[in-house]
Amino acid sequence: MRILVIFCHPSSESYGASLFDMACRTLEAAGHELRMHDLYREEFQPILTKEEWDDYLTHTDRIISKHSDHGDDLEWAEALVVIYPTWFYGAPAMLKGWLERVWLPGIAFEVAETKQRRPKPKMRHIRYFVGITSSGSPWWWIRIIGDPGRKLWTRGLRALFAPGCKVVWRQIYNMNHSSNADRTKFLKRVESTLKKIR
């Protein structure tokens, strides 16, 4: 399977980096074809500028051309794996900026033609999605506030993928108080999850 792996964390020595390294090794060992983006190491520019905002609907191609490699990889992929820490109940600013500057009209969706209609999906080629994240809060608190991070990917963005897209979410909670045993257990759980991608 053609798999795009997106990693977003400022530290190359973080637990997230260990998850990213393990994910890439596991997927390659399983024979998948990979393309990877480590957003911080690439110094991805997440800010949608005023000029880009003005061009968003009328000259979208100008924005696409600035990160054509990312757009090409998104259109190439059959599966998407995202790995990042949950901060303030959502994706880090850089990852959110990646969505805003790469998941553009013509690539990820087409703008709705009329009122009360949702955007037309353009990523029907994505048939497998895996979200991998960590959060400092306990699971019960994340549930109480509505689990916004998970919903962004598994509901909001999932609607742009193939109708039968397989969606898997893996999250380690209480990260600030996790033990080596907790982190090792989660690492193995994620590895097992990735080995099941077909």
Foldseek 3Di string as FASTA:
>chain_A
DEEEEEEEDQDCPDLLVVLVVLLVVLLVVLPYHYDYDHCNVVVPDLDCDPVNVVCQPPPLVVLCVVPVVLLVSLQPGQEYEYTAEQDPLAGPSNVVSCCVRRCGDVRQFHCDPDPPDHTHADAQSHQEYEYEYEYLADPVVCVVVPSVHCCVVVPVSVVNYHPNRHYYYQYHYNVVPDDPVSSVVSSVVVSVVSSPDD
